[in-house]
């Protein structure tokens, strides 16, 4: 059943969760070369949460319930479609900052007492919480505060602040504006640029029509008539990947070729753990072929023969497009 969407408060109460495949032309090529029986794309999960109203930080409009849902996600996507999207985005950001401010002001009190008593934990927590509080009190979201120290970064992350999350603005426009945007979306793009955030344009009307076309060729032709190279959903997914600093690696074989999502900077054992926790616990080494080497060699066997298959250890940092076999022992 499709999620209900309407222009009145609390049309959505319980969050609607949707998983979408991340488009990646490389996987289709790899699957074809390996003659895989299955091709499995990696996915992003989107959670549709009801729009916040003014006063949500104080619990109005089921605010506490919705804020709790937002706290669980990795990034926030504002969907703009009203007559004043910048105003609405500002309302949402303000409510999130007020919620963070209220939370931190209460949570910092016991750590301030510990800090005054000379306790190490109190001093460490206050050193992170205080600058964030100062930013929030001056009307700036938590994400504007940056920490260089790794331990402070860890503490900051564990605060689970709503405005620490990266933001993506999605501007829903009419069909005629899908390729170029309109005056409203331009204002959103200007706002996003000033904030250091990202924005994309989509047309919900076009997306619903494309969804009815099962043939990829028909979808492509339909989009081309509108001056579009890809769907708005694909643009949102790509922007989300960039926003969350994600990369993709592949496992390839005759049974299946599959894409996996990892955070940029993950090591080989951490990537192995994305497949199964036992792979990370008993990690021995990873056999790695770069995407381009695999394409040039046309097969894993040829890549191995030409010395393009590398044996990487526990400190290897995964690269986007790596094709891997993980050796482990539990």
Protein backbone atom coordinates (compact mmCIF):
# COMPACT_ATOMS: atom_id res chain seq x y z
CA UNK A 1 0.00 0.00 0.00
CA UNK A 2 1.34 3.47 -0.86
CA UNK A 3 1.98 5.89 1.99
CA UNK A 4 -0.77 8.46 2.32
CA UNK A 5 0.17 12.02 1.41
CA UNK A 6 -2.06 15.05 1.88
CA UNK A 7 -1.77 18.73 2.70
CA UNK A 8 -3.10 18.72 6.25
CA UNK A 9 -1.42 18.24 9.64
CA UNK A 10 -0.66 14.69 10.81
CA UNK A 11 -1.74 12.93 7.62
CA UNK A 12 1.23 10.75 8.62
CA UNK A 13 1.38 9.70 12.28
CA UNK A 14 3.29 6.42 12.25
CA UNK A 15 6.50 6.70 10.17
CA UNK A 16 6.35 5.09 6.72
CA UNK A 17 9.54 3.19 5.87
CA UNK A 18 10.66 2.58 2.30
CA UNK A 19 13.79 0.90 0.93
CA UNK A 20 15.06 1.86 -2.51
CA UNK A 21 17.77 0.28 -4.64
CA UNK A 22 20.83 2.47 -5.23
CA UNK A 23 21.37 2.71 -9.00
CA UNK A 24 24.87 1.64 -10.03
CA UNK A 25 25.66 0.79 -13.65
CA UNK A 26 28.88 -0.93 -12.56
CA UNK A 27 27.00 -3.76 -10.87
CA UNK A 28 25.13 -4.71 -14.05
CA UNK A 29 28.44 -4.87 -15.95
CA UNK A 30 30.05 -7.05 -13.27
CA UNK A 31 27.03 -9.35 -13.11
CA UNK A 32 27.12 -9.80 -16.88
CA UNK A 33 30.86 -10.58 -16.92
CA UNK A 34 30.51 -13.10 -14.06
CA UNK A 35 27.33 -14.57 -15.57
CA UNK A 36 25.68 -14.20 -12.16
CA UNK A 37 22.27 -15.75 -11.59
CA UNK A 38 21.27 -12.83 -9.36
CA UNK A 39 22.06 -9.13 -9.30
CA UNK A 40 21.43 -7.50 -5.93
CA UNK A 41 21.70 -3.74 -5.56
CA UNK A 42 22.50 -2.07 -2.26
CA UNK A 43 19.69 -0.02 -0.71
CA UNK A 44 18.98 3.16 1.17
CA UNK A 45 16.16 3.36 3.68
CA UNK A 46 13.91 6.42 3.78
CA UNK A 47 11.61 7.09 6.74
CA UNK A 48 8.64 9.37 6.02
CA UNK A 49 7.96 11.24 9.26
CA UNK A 50 5.07 13.68 9.67
CA UNK A 51 5.98 17.33 9.24
CA UNK A 52 6.81 19.26 12.40
CA UNK A 53 4.63 22.17 13.46
CA UNK A 54 5.63 25.24 15.44
CA UNK A 55 5.88 24.22 19.08
CA UNK A 56 6.93 20.63 18.36
CA UNK A 57 9.96 21.04 20.66
CA UNK A 58 7.50 21.58 23.53
CA UNK A 59 5.46 18.53 22.59
CA UNK A 60 2.80 20.24 20.47
CA UNK A 61 1.36 18.35 17.51
CA UNK A 62 2.70 15.01 18.74
CA UNK A 63 6.11 16.69 18.61
CA UNK A 64 7.85 14.40 21.08
CA UNK A 65 6.83 11.31 19.12
CA UNK A 66 8.04 12.77 15.81
CA UNK A 67 11.29 14.11 17.28
CA UNK A 68 12.06 10.65 18.63
CA UNK A 69 11.62 9.24 15.13
CA UNK A 70 13.97 11.85 13.67
CA UNK A 71 16.59 11.06 16.33
CA UNK A 72 16.96 7.53 14.95
CA UNK A 73 17.90 8.48 11.36
CA UNK A 74 21.32 9.30 9.88
CA UNK A 75 20.29 12.37 7.88
CA UNK A 76 17.27 14.63 7.53
CA UNK A 77 15.58 15.21 4.18
CA UNK A 78 13.32 18.27 4.08
CA UNK A 79 10.69 17.92 1.36
CA UNK A 80 9.58 21.34 0.18
CA UNK A 81 6.36 21.91 -1.73
CA UNK A 82 4.49 24.73 -0.03
CA UNK A 83 4.09 28.36 -1.04
CA UNK A 84 6.96 29.39 1.26
CA UNK A 85 9.46 26.52 1.54
CA UNK A 86 12.22 28.65 3.10
CA UNK A 87 9.88 29.70 5.91
CA UNK A 88 8.82 26.10 6.51
CA UNK A 89 12.41 24.87 6.51
CA UNK A 90 13.30 27.57 9.02
CA UNK A 91 10.41 26.47 11.25
CA UNK A 92 11.63 22.86 11.20
CA UNK A 93 15.24 23.83 11.90
CA UNK A 94 14.17 26.12 14.76
CA UNK A 95 12.10 23.39 16.41
CA UNK A 96 14.98 20.91 16.12
CA UNK A 97 17.41 23.42 17.64
CA UNK A 98 15.01 24.17 20.51
CA UNK A 99 14.65 20.45 21.21
CA UNK A 100 18.46 20.04 21.25
CA UNK A 101 18.85 23.11 23.46
CA UNK A 102 16.33 21.84 26.00
CA UNK A 103 17.94 18.40 26.01
CA UNK A 104 21.52 19.67 26.45
CA UNK A 105 20.67 22.23 29.12
CA UNK A 106 19.26 19.44 31.26
CA UNK A 107 21.98 16.90 30.49
CA UNK A 108 24.96 19.19 31.12
CA UNK A 109 24.03 19.99 34.77
CA UNK A 110 25.38 16.78 36.42
CA UNK A 111 28.56 16.93 34.33
CA UNK A 112 29.17 20.55 35.37
CA UNK A 113 29.00 19.40 39.01
CA UNK A 114 31.48 16.62 38.28
CA UNK A 115 33.77 19.05 36.44
CA UNK A 116 33.76 21.47 39.40
CA UNK A 117 34.68 18.51 41.63
CA UNK A 118 37.66 17.84 39.37
CA UNK A 119 36.34 14.62 37.84
CA UNK A 120 37.81 13.78 34.44
CA UNK A 121 34.53 12.56 32.91
CA UNK A 122 32.76 15.80 33.82
CA UNK A 123 35.50 17.95 32.30
CA UNK A 124 35.51 15.92 29.07
CA UNK A 125 31.73 16.06 28.67
CA UNK A 126 31.47 19.79 29.41
CA UNK A 127 34.29 20.51 26.94
CA UNK A 128 32.08 19.03 24.20
CA UNK A 129 28.61 20.06 25.40
CA UNK A 130 29.37 23.70 26.22
CA UNK A 131 30.44 24.87 22.73
CA UNK A 132 27.42 23.10 21.24
CA UNK A 133 25.15 24.83 23.76
CA UNK A 134 26.74 28.18 22.89
CA UNK A 135 26.03 27.56 19.19
CA UNK A 136 22.41 26.57 19.82
CA UNK A 137 21.83 29.61 22.05
CA UNK A 138 23.11 31.84 19.24
CA UNK A 139 20.68 30.24 16.76
CA UNK A 140 23.12 27.87 15.05
CA UNK A 141 22.57 24.11 14.65
CA UNK A 142 24.87 21.63 16.40
CA UNK A 143 26.44 20.57 13.08
CA UNK A 144 28.21 23.95 12.87
CA UNK A 145 30.46 22.93 15.79
CA UNK A 146 33.46 20.88 14.71
CA UNK A 147 35.84 18.87 16.89
CA UNK A 148 39.34 17.77 15.88
CA UNK A 149 40.04 15.46 18.83
CA UNK A 150 38.89 11.88 18.14
CA UNK A 151 37.62 11.32 21.69
CA UNK A 152 35.60 14.54 21.54
CA UNK A 153 34.15 13.46 18.20
CA UNK A 154 33.05 10.21 19.83
CA UNK A 155 31.38 12.02 22.75
CA UNK A 156 29.66 14.44 20.35
CA UNK A 157 28.27 11.58 18.29
CA UNK A 158 26.90 9.89 21.41
CA UNK A 159 24.87 13.00 22.26
CA UNK A 160 22.47 12.05 19.41
CA UNK A 161 21.53 15.65 18.71
CA UNK A 162 18.87 16.32 16.09
CA UNK A 163 20.73 19.23 14.49
CA UNK A 164 24.01 17.31 14.32
CA UNK A 165 22.58 15.37 11.38
CA UNK A 166 23.37 16.46 7.81
CA UNK A 167 20.48 17.97 5.85
CA UNK A 168 19.23 17.52 2.29
CA UNK A 169 16.45 19.68 0.84
CA UNK A 170 14.21 18.05 -1.76
CA UNK A 171 12.14 20.53 -3.77
CA UNK A 172 8.92 19.06 -5.16
CA UNK A 173 8.01 21.05 -8.29
CA UNK A 174 5.49 20.83 -11.13
CA UNK A 175 6.27 18.77 -14.24
CA UNK A 176 7.26 21.79 -16.32
CA UNK A 177 9.88 22.80 -13.75
CA UNK A 178 11.38 19.33 -13.22
CA UNK A 179 14.44 19.97 -15.41
CA UNK A 180 15.27 23.54 -14.37
CA UNK A 181 13.46 24.17 -11.09
CA UNK A 182 11.38 27.25 -10.32
CA UNK A 183 11.60 30.44 -8.26
CA UNK A 184 10.72 28.60 -5.04
CA UNK A 185 13.34 25.89 -5.55
CA UNK A 186 15.97 28.52 -6.43
CA UNK A 187 15.37 30.15 -3.04
CA UNK A 188 15.81 26.77 -1.36
CA UNK A 189 19.06 26.15 -3.27
CA UNK A 190 20.36 29.57 -2.19
CA UNK A 191 19.44 28.80 1.43
CA UNK A 192 21.10 25.37 1.26
CA UNK A 193 24.28 26.83 -0.21
CA UNK A 194 24.57 29.40 2.59
CA UNK A 195 24.13 26.62 5.14
CA UNK A 196 26.59 24.29 3.44
CA UNK A 197 23.80 21.79 2.74
CA UNK A 198 22.62 20.05 -0.44
CA UNK A 199 19.38 20.43 -2.40
CA UNK A 200 17.79 18.58 -5.34
CA UNK A 201 14.68 19.06 -7.46
CA UNK A 202 12.07 16.36 -8.06
CA UNK A 203 8.55 16.24 -9.45
CA UNK A 204 6.31 13.85 -7.53
CA UNK A 205 3.90 13.83 -10.47
CA UNK A 206 6.62 12.64 -12.85
CA UNK A 207 7.94 10.09 -10.34
CA UNK A 208 4.49 8.50 -10.04
CA UNK A 209 4.20 8.26 -13.83
CA UNK A 210 7.68 6.73 -14.19
CA UNK A 211 6.82 4.17 -11.52
CA UNK A 212 4.01 2.88 -13.73
CA UNK A 213 6.45 2.14 -16.58
CA UNK A 214 8.12 -1.23 -15.95
CA UNK A 215 10.31 -1.21 -19.07
CA UNK A 216 13.58 0.73 -18.40
CA UNK A 217 13.71 1.79 -22.06
CA UNK A 218 10.24 3.30 -21.82
CA UNK A 219 11.21 5.07 -18.62
CA UNK A 220 14.31 6.54 -20.29
CA UNK A 221 12.35 7.71 -23.33
CA UNK A 222 9.65 9.26 -21.16
CA UNK A 223 12.24 11.17 -19.11
CA UNK A 224 14.02 12.37 -22.25
CA UNK A 225 10.80 13.95 -23.54
CA UNK A 226 10.83 16.06 -20.37
CA UNK A 227 14.50 16.99 -20.70
CA UNK A 228 15.56 14.70 -17.86
CA UNK A 229 18.46 12.22 -17.80
CA UNK A 230 17.32 10.33 -14.70
CA UNK A 231 14.51 10.18 -12.18
CA UNK A 232 14.29 12.55 -9.27
CA UNK A 233 14.51 9.56 -6.95
CA UNK A 234 17.91 8.67 -8.38
CA UNK A 235 19.08 12.23 -7.78
CA UNK A 236 17.90 12.03 -4.18
CA UNK A 237 19.70 8.71 -3.69
CA UNK A 238 22.97 10.04 -5.14
CA UNK A 239 22.72 13.17 -3.01
CA UNK A 240 22.02 10.98 0.03
CA UNK A 241 25.09 8.87 -0.69
CA UNK A 242 27.23 12.00 -0.90
CA UNK A 243 25.60 13.50 2.19
CA UNK A 244 26.32 10.44 4.33
CA UNK A 245 29.82 9.97 2.84
CA UNK A 246 29.07 6.45 1.63
CA UNK A 247 30.92 4.17 -0.79
CA UNK A 248 30.12 0.90 -2.53
CA UNK A 249 32.07 -2.34 -2.79
CA UNK A 250 31.06 -5.50 -4.63
CA UNK A 251 31.08 -9.26 -4.22
CA UNK A 252 30.96 -11.03 -7.57
CA UNK A 253 30.42 -14.67 -8.56
CA UNK A 254 28.30 -17.06 -10.62
CA UNK A 255 25.67 -17.30 -7.87
CA UNK A 256 25.19 -13.57 -7.41
CA UNK A 257 26.78 -10.17 -7.87
CA UNK A 258 25.95 -7.85 -5.01
CA UNK A 259 26.65 -4.25 -4.04
CA UNK A 260 27.32 -3.32 -0.41
CA UNK A 261 27.25 0.09 1.28
CA UNK A 262 30.03 1.23 3.61
CA UNK A 263 31.11 4.49 5.21
CA UNK A 264 34.07 6.22 3.62
CA UNK A 265 37.25 5.29 5.49
CA UNK A 266 36.16 1.81 6.56
CA UNK A 267 38.86 -0.85 6.67
CA UNK A 268 38.63 -4.29 5.05
CA UNK A 269 37.57 -6.05 8.31
CA UNK A 270 34.84 -3.45 8.89
CA UNK A 271 33.57 -3.92 5.35
CA UNK A 272 33.59 -7.68 5.86
CA UNK A 273 31.47 -7.12 8.96
CA UNK A 274 28.80 -5.44 6.83
CA UNK A 275 28.28 -8.83 5.15
CA UNK A 276 28.37 -10.81 8.40
CA UNK A 277 29.75 -10.11 11.87
CA UNK A 278 31.69 -13.41 11.79
CA UNK A 279 33.62 -12.16 8.74
CA UNK A 280 34.95 -9.25 10.79
CA UNK A 281 35.65 -11.26 13.96
CA UNK A 282 37.64 -13.92 12.15
CA UNK A 283 39.10 -11.72 9.40
CA UNK A 284 42.33 -13.07 7.88
CA UNK A 285 42.70 -11.08 4.69
CA UNK A 286 40.80 -9.70 1.71
CA UNK A 287 41.40 -10.53 -1.93
CA UNK A 288 40.72 -7.29 -3.79
CA UNK A 289 40.40 -6.31 -7.45
CA UNK A 290 39.67 -2.73 -8.44
CA UNK A 291 36.61 -2.24 -10.64
CA UNK A 292 38.65 -1.00 -13.59
CA UNK A 293 41.11 -3.91 -13.37
CA UNK A 294 38.20 -6.37 -13.33
CA UNK A 295 36.72 -4.73 -16.43
CA UNK A 296 40.09 -4.67 -18.20
CA UNK A 297 40.73 -8.34 -17.41
CA UNK A 298 37.11 -9.40 -18.08
CA UNK A 299 37.19 -12.03 -15.29
CA UNK A 300 38.53 -12.77 -11.83
CA UNK A 301 40.68 -15.62 -13.16
CA UNK A 302 42.40 -13.32 -15.67
CA UNK A 303 42.88 -10.64 -13.02
CA UNK A 304 44.54 -13.21 -10.76
CA UNK A 305 46.73 -14.43 -13.62
CA UNK A 306 47.89 -10.88 -14.46
CA UNK A 307 48.61 -10.02 -10.83
CA UNK A 308 45.74 -7.55 -10.53
CA UNK A 309 44.23 -9.40 -7.57
CA UNK A 310 45.75 -8.00 -4.38
CA UNK A 311 45.93 -9.54 -0.92
CA UNK A 312 45.07 -6.86 1.66
CA UNK A 313 45.29 -7.02 5.44
CA UNK A 314 43.48 -5.53 8.43
CA UNK A 315 44.65 -1.96 7.87
CA UNK A 316 43.54 -1.70 4.23
CA UNK A 317 41.10 1.17 3.67
CA UNK A 318 38.37 0.19 1.22
CA UNK A 319 38.08 2.08 -2.06
CA UNK A 320 34.87 2.76 -3.95
CA UNK A 321 34.28 0.01 -6.51
CA UNK A 322 36.52 -2.62 -4.88
CA UNK A 323 35.57 -6.22 -5.70
CA UNK A 324 36.32 -8.42 -2.70
CA UNK A 325 36.54 -11.95 -1.37
CA UNK A 326 37.01 -12.08 2.41
CA UNK A 327 38.93 -14.94 4.01
CA UNK A 328 38.07 -15.53 7.65
CA UNK A 329 38.27 -18.14 10.38
CA UNK A 330 35.89 -18.32 13.37
